[in-house]
Amino acid sequence: MTFTSKRAIVLGGSSGIGLASAQALAAAGAEVLISGRDPGRLEDALGTLPASARGQALDVLDVDALQALFQAETGFDYLVNAATGGERAVGPFEQMSLAGFQGSFRKLWGYTNAVHEALPHLAADGAMVLVSGSPARKCPPGYSAISTVGNAVEGFVRAIAVEIAPRRINTVAPGFIDTPMFPQTGAEREAFMERTTAANLIPRPGRAEEVADAVLFALGNGFVTGTTIDVDGGALLP
């Protein structure tokens, strides 16, 4: 697919899957703008992108900042949202604080904020991708909050796709991906990843670049909308 002369905004584009998506879009010819909450990390991410790429520090929970961004970029072609919202509660539900569980829904609020504010400024044939995750449909113990939020994201996409056609919106659902989200280092990190992915049909963690390939497919294929694309190494299968 070619994205030459297309304009893409990648929220949560300063690291991990968001940054890999921005890099893939830029390599395919798109003009890319990335956002993130941390100005320093954003500057580092821009250093891995072509000189034409731009960055803007913002929080997807800040509706005013989103409005200003999309108004300034009106007529853009693609939106990718990989922003986490800042909180991921993990652990047994019975022992989890309700504040932590509810705080995980910041990801959903960031997604709904972005879609709502982007739509008036999205090109008539534009497309959006939201990043969910495999726990939405196969939840390991301790991931109830992440699973519930993922289900809500995917349900939101199916509902909104009907309303915004012929503009398109899809979800990409990664499995376990080797990104900076996981803080372990060295041998501890390698053991954690090997243990976590041992039951996959493809027994290794995925790479952010592999998820970015799916993001570009969902953006560029004009006959795909309202669906979820899994990139999980077969984790959803028995």
Protein backbone atom coordinates (compact mmCIF):
# COMPACT_ATOMS: atom_id res chain seq x y z
CA MET A 1 0.00 0.00 0.00
CA THR A 2 1.12 3.55 -0.62
CA PHE A 3 0.30 6.45 1.65
CA THR A 4 2.05 9.11 -0.39
CA SER A 5 0.62 12.60 0.19
CA LYS A 6 -1.65 11.28 2.98
CA ARG A 7 -1.70 12.97 6.39
CA ALA A 8 -1.75 10.81 9.51
CA ILE A 9 -2.06 11.62 13.21
CA VAL A 10 -0.81 9.01 15.68
CA LEU A 11 -1.90 9.57 19.28
CA GLY A 12 0.32 7.75 21.73
CA GLY A 13 2.96 7.83 19.00
CA SER A 14 6.03 8.40 21.15
CA SER A 15 6.77 4.72 21.91
CA GLY A 16 5.76 1.11 21.36
CA ILE A 17 3.02 0.29 18.88
CA GLY A 18 2.16 3.94 18.27
CA LEU A 19 5.72 4.83 17.32
CA ALA A 20 6.08 1.72 15.14
CA SER A 21 2.85 2.71 13.35
CA ALA A 22 4.14 6.24 12.80
CA GLN A 23 7.41 4.88 11.43
CA ALA A 24 5.59 2.53 9.06
CA LEU A 25 3.29 5.29 7.84
CA ALA A 26 6.23 7.61 7.23
CA ALA A 27 8.12 4.87 5.38
CA ALA A 28 5.04 4.38 3.17
CA GLY A 29 5.03 8.07 2.24
CA ALA A 30 2.61 9.63 4.72
CA GLU A 31 3.07 12.99 6.42
CA VAL A 32 3.01 12.08 10.11
CA LEU A 33 2.21 13.95 13.31
CA ILE A 34 2.69 12.12 16.61
CA SER A 35 1.53 13.00 20.10
CA GLY A 36 2.44 11.89 23.59
CA ARG A 37 2.25 13.16 27.14
CA ASP A 38 6.00 13.30 27.79
CA PRO A 39 7.79 16.02 25.78
CA GLY A 40 11.18 14.37 26.25
CA ARG A 41 10.01 10.99 25.00
CA LEU A 42 8.22 12.73 22.15
CA GLU A 43 11.44 14.45 21.11
CA ASP A 44 13.29 11.11 21.19
CA ALA A 45 10.58 9.52 19.03
CA LEU A 46 10.81 12.32 16.47
CA GLY A 47 14.49 11.51 16.15
CA THR A 48 13.53 8.12 14.68
CA LEU A 49 11.20 9.64 12.08
CA PRO A 50 11.84 11.65 8.91
CA ALA A 51 12.58 15.34 9.34
CA SER A 52 9.12 16.16 7.98
CA ALA A 53 7.43 14.46 10.95
CA ARG A 54 6.00 16.68 13.65
CA GLY A 55 5.12 16.17 17.30
CA GLN A 56 2.75 17.67 19.84
CA ALA A 57 2.68 16.99 23.55
CA LEU A 58 -0.86 16.38 24.78
CA ASP A 59 -3.00 14.12 26.95
CA VAL A 60 -5.88 12.36 25.17
CA LEU A 61 -8.03 13.07 28.22
CA ASP A 62 -7.72 16.81 27.49
CA VAL A 63 -10.62 17.48 25.12
CA ASP A 64 -9.61 21.10 24.53
CA ALA A 65 -6.13 20.02 23.42
CA LEU A 66 -7.61 17.44 21.05
CA GLN A 67 -9.99 20.00 19.57
CA ALA A 68 -7.11 22.39 18.93
CA LEU A 69 -4.99 19.67 17.34
CA PHE A 70 -7.67 18.43 14.95
CA GLN A 71 -8.79 21.93 14.01
CA ALA A 72 -5.22 22.81 13.10
CA GLU A 73 -4.91 19.62 11.01
CA THR A 74 -8.40 19.66 9.45
CA GLY A 75 -8.73 17.46 6.38
CA PHE A 76 -6.26 14.84 7.64
CA ASP A 77 -6.66 11.31 6.26
CA TYR A 78 -5.84 8.90 9.07
CA LEU A 79 -6.02 8.69 12.85
CA VAL A 80 -4.31 6.00 14.91
CA ASN A 81 -4.89 5.96 18.65
CA ALA A 82 -2.49 3.83 20.67
CA ALA A 83 -2.59 5.97 23.83
CA THR A 84 -3.13 3.93 26.98
CA GLY A 85 -4.74 6.68 29.05
CA GLY A 86 -2.09 6.21 31.71
CA GLU A 87 -3.44 3.41 33.92
CA ARG A 88 -3.62 -0.39 33.59
CA ALA A 89 -4.91 -2.14 36.71
CA VAL A 90 -3.65 -5.73 36.93
CA GLY A 91 -4.31 -8.38 39.57
CA PRO A 92 -7.17 -10.42 41.06
CA PHE A 93 -10.41 -8.47 40.81
CA GLU A 94 -11.40 -9.25 44.40
CA GLN A 95 -8.19 -7.65 45.66
CA MET A 96 -8.16 -4.76 43.18
CA SER A 97 -9.16 -1.29 44.24
CA LEU A 98 -12.26 -0.05 42.47
CA ALA A 99 -10.41 3.17 41.76
CA GLY A 100 -7.75 1.19 39.89
CA PHE A 101 -10.32 -0.80 37.91
CA GLN A 102 -12.25 2.33 36.99
CA GLY A 103 -9.06 4.22 36.23
CA SER A 104 -8.26 1.70 33.51
CA PHE A 105 -11.21 3.12 31.59
CA ARG A 106 -9.15 6.24 30.91
CA LYS A 107 -8.04 4.39 27.79
CA LEU A 108 -11.66 4.18 26.59
CA TRP A 109 -12.32 7.83 27.44
CA GLY A 110 -9.20 8.86 25.55
CA TYR A 111 -10.38 6.86 22.54
CA THR A 112 -13.91 8.24 22.58
CA ASN A 113 -12.59 11.77 23.09
CA ALA A 114 -10.29 11.43 20.08
CA VAL A 115 -12.86 9.91 17.73
CA HIS A 116 -15.53 12.44 18.70
CA GLU A 117 -13.25 15.43 18.19
CA ALA A 118 -11.54 14.04 15.07
CA LEU A 119 -14.64 13.22 13.02
CA PRO A 120 -15.53 16.80 11.97
CA HIS A 121 -12.00 17.21 10.60
CA LEU A 122 -11.38 13.76 9.08
CA ALA A 123 -11.28 13.49 5.27
CA ALA A 124 -14.45 12.19 3.63
CA ASP A 125 -12.68 8.93 2.77
CA GLY A 126 -10.60 8.86 5.96
CA ALA A 127 -9.99 5.97 8.33
CA MET A 128 -9.20 5.44 12.01
CA VAL A 129 -7.62 2.59 13.99
CA LEU A 130 -7.88 2.07 17.74
CA VAL A 131 -5.53 -0.37 19.49
CA SER A 132 -7.25 -2.88 21.78
CA GLY A 133 -5.76 -6.20 22.94
CA SER A 134 -6.31 -9.96 22.98
CA PRO A 135 -7.52 -10.02 26.65
CA ALA A 136 -10.78 -8.55 25.34
CA ARG A 137 -11.73 -12.04 24.14
CA LYS A 138 -9.42 -14.37 26.05
CA CYS A 139 -8.76 -13.00 29.48
CA PRO A 140 -5.96 -14.50 31.59
CA PRO A 141 -6.33 -14.31 35.38
CA GLY A 142 -5.61 -10.87 36.71
CA TYR A 143 -6.53 -8.98 33.55
CA SER A 144 -10.22 -8.31 34.23
CA ALA A 145 -9.89 -4.53 33.96
CA ILE A 146 -7.89 -4.65 30.72
CA SER A 147 -10.29 -7.22 29.26
CA THR A 148 -13.36 -5.18 30.13
CA VAL A 149 -11.90 -2.01 28.63
CA GLY A 150 -10.85 -3.90 25.48
CA ASN A 151 -14.38 -5.26 25.06
CA ALA A 152 -15.73 -1.74 25.38
CA VAL A 153 -13.29 -0.40 22.78
CA GLU A 154 -14.19 -3.11 20.26
CA GLY A 155 -17.92 -2.64 20.87
CA PHE A 156 -17.52 1.11 20.42
CA VAL A 157 -15.79 0.59 17.06
CA ARG A 158 -18.54 -1.72 15.77
CA ALA A 159 -21.22 0.77 16.81
CA ILE A 160 -19.51 3.86 15.42
CA ALA A 161 -18.57 2.24 12.10
CA VAL A 162 -22.26 2.12 11.18
CA GLU A 163 -22.73 5.82 11.88
CA ILE A 164 -19.68 7.26 10.15
CA ALA A 165 -19.61 5.28 6.86
CA PRO A 166 -18.16 5.65 4.28
CA ARG A 167 -15.38 6.82 6.60
CA ARG A 168 -13.94 3.76 8.29
CA ILE A 169 -12.88 2.68 11.78
CA ASN A 170 -11.30 -0.59 12.90
CA THR A 171 -9.60 -2.13 15.91
CA VAL A 172 -6.22 -3.85 15.94
CA ALA A 173 -5.88 -6.25 18.87
CA PRO A 174 -2.30 -7.21 19.77
CA GLY A 175 -1.39 -10.16 21.91
CA PHE A 176 1.75 -10.05 24.03
CA ILE A 177 4.07 -7.56 22.30
CA ASP A 178 7.63 -6.70 23.29
CA THR A 179 7.32 -2.98 24.04
CA PRO A 180 8.56 -0.57 26.75
CA MET A 181 5.23 -1.14 28.54
CA PHE A 182 6.90 -4.07 30.32
CA PRO A 183 9.51 -2.71 32.74
CA GLN A 184 11.64 -5.80 33.39
CA THR A 185 15.21 -5.79 32.13
CA GLY A 186 17.87 -8.32 31.19
CA ALA A 187 17.41 -11.98 32.04
CA GLU A 188 14.30 -11.23 34.12
CA ARG A 189 12.61 -9.68 31.08
CA GLU A 190 13.57 -12.55 28.80
CA ALA A 191 12.26 -15.14 31.29
CA PHE A 192 9.02 -13.21 31.74
CA MET A 193 8.43 -13.02 27.99
CA GLU A 194 9.28 -16.67 27.41
CA ARG A 195 6.94 -17.75 30.21
CA THR A 196 4.11 -15.51 29.04
CA THR A 197 4.18 -16.64 25.40
CA ALA A 198 5.03 -20.33 25.82
CA ALA A 199 1.46 -21.46 25.07
CA ASN A 200 1.13 -19.38 21.89
CA LEU A 201 1.00 -21.20 18.57
CA ILE A 202 3.91 -18.91 17.68
CA PRO A 203 5.78 -19.13 21.00
CA ARG A 204 7.42 -15.73 21.24
CA PRO A 205 6.39 -12.16 21.93
CA GLY A 206 5.28 -10.14 18.95
CA ARG A 207 7.10 -7.07 17.71
CA ALA A 208 5.59 -3.60 17.55
CA GLU A 209 6.42 -3.55 13.83
CA GLU A 210 4.20 -6.59 13.28
CA VAL A 211 1.27 -4.78 14.87
CA ALA A 212 2.06 -1.70 12.78
CA ASP A 213 1.69 -3.83 9.63
CA ALA A 214 -1.89 -4.58 10.68
CA VAL A 215 -2.54 -0.92 11.45
CA LEU A 216 -1.47 0.05 7.94
CA PHE A 217 -3.64 -2.69 6.43
CA ALA A 218 -6.69 -1.43 8.35
CA LEU A 219 -6.01 2.15 7.30
CA GLY A 220 -5.29 1.42 3.67
CA ASN A 221 -7.83 -1.25 2.75
CA GLY A 222 -10.97 0.62 1.71
CA PHE A 223 -13.23 -2.42 2.12
CA VAL A 224 -12.56 -3.12 5.81
CA THR A 225 -14.51 -1.40 8.58
CA GLY A 226 -16.04 -2.12 11.96
CA THR A 227 -13.88 -5.15 12.60
CA THR A 228 -11.01 -6.34 14.79
CA ILE A 229 -7.71 -7.57 13.38
CA ASP A 230 -5.82 -9.90 15.73
CA VAL A 231 -2.02 -9.87 15.89
CA ASP A 232 -1.41 -12.35 18.71
CA GLY A 233 0.65 -15.32 17.58
CA GLY A 234 -2.41 -17.55 17.81
CA ALA A 235 -3.01 -16.74 21.49
CA LEU A 236 -6.80 -16.74 21.04
CA LEU A 237 -6.84 -20.31 19.79
CA PRO A 238 -7.00 -23.32 22.14
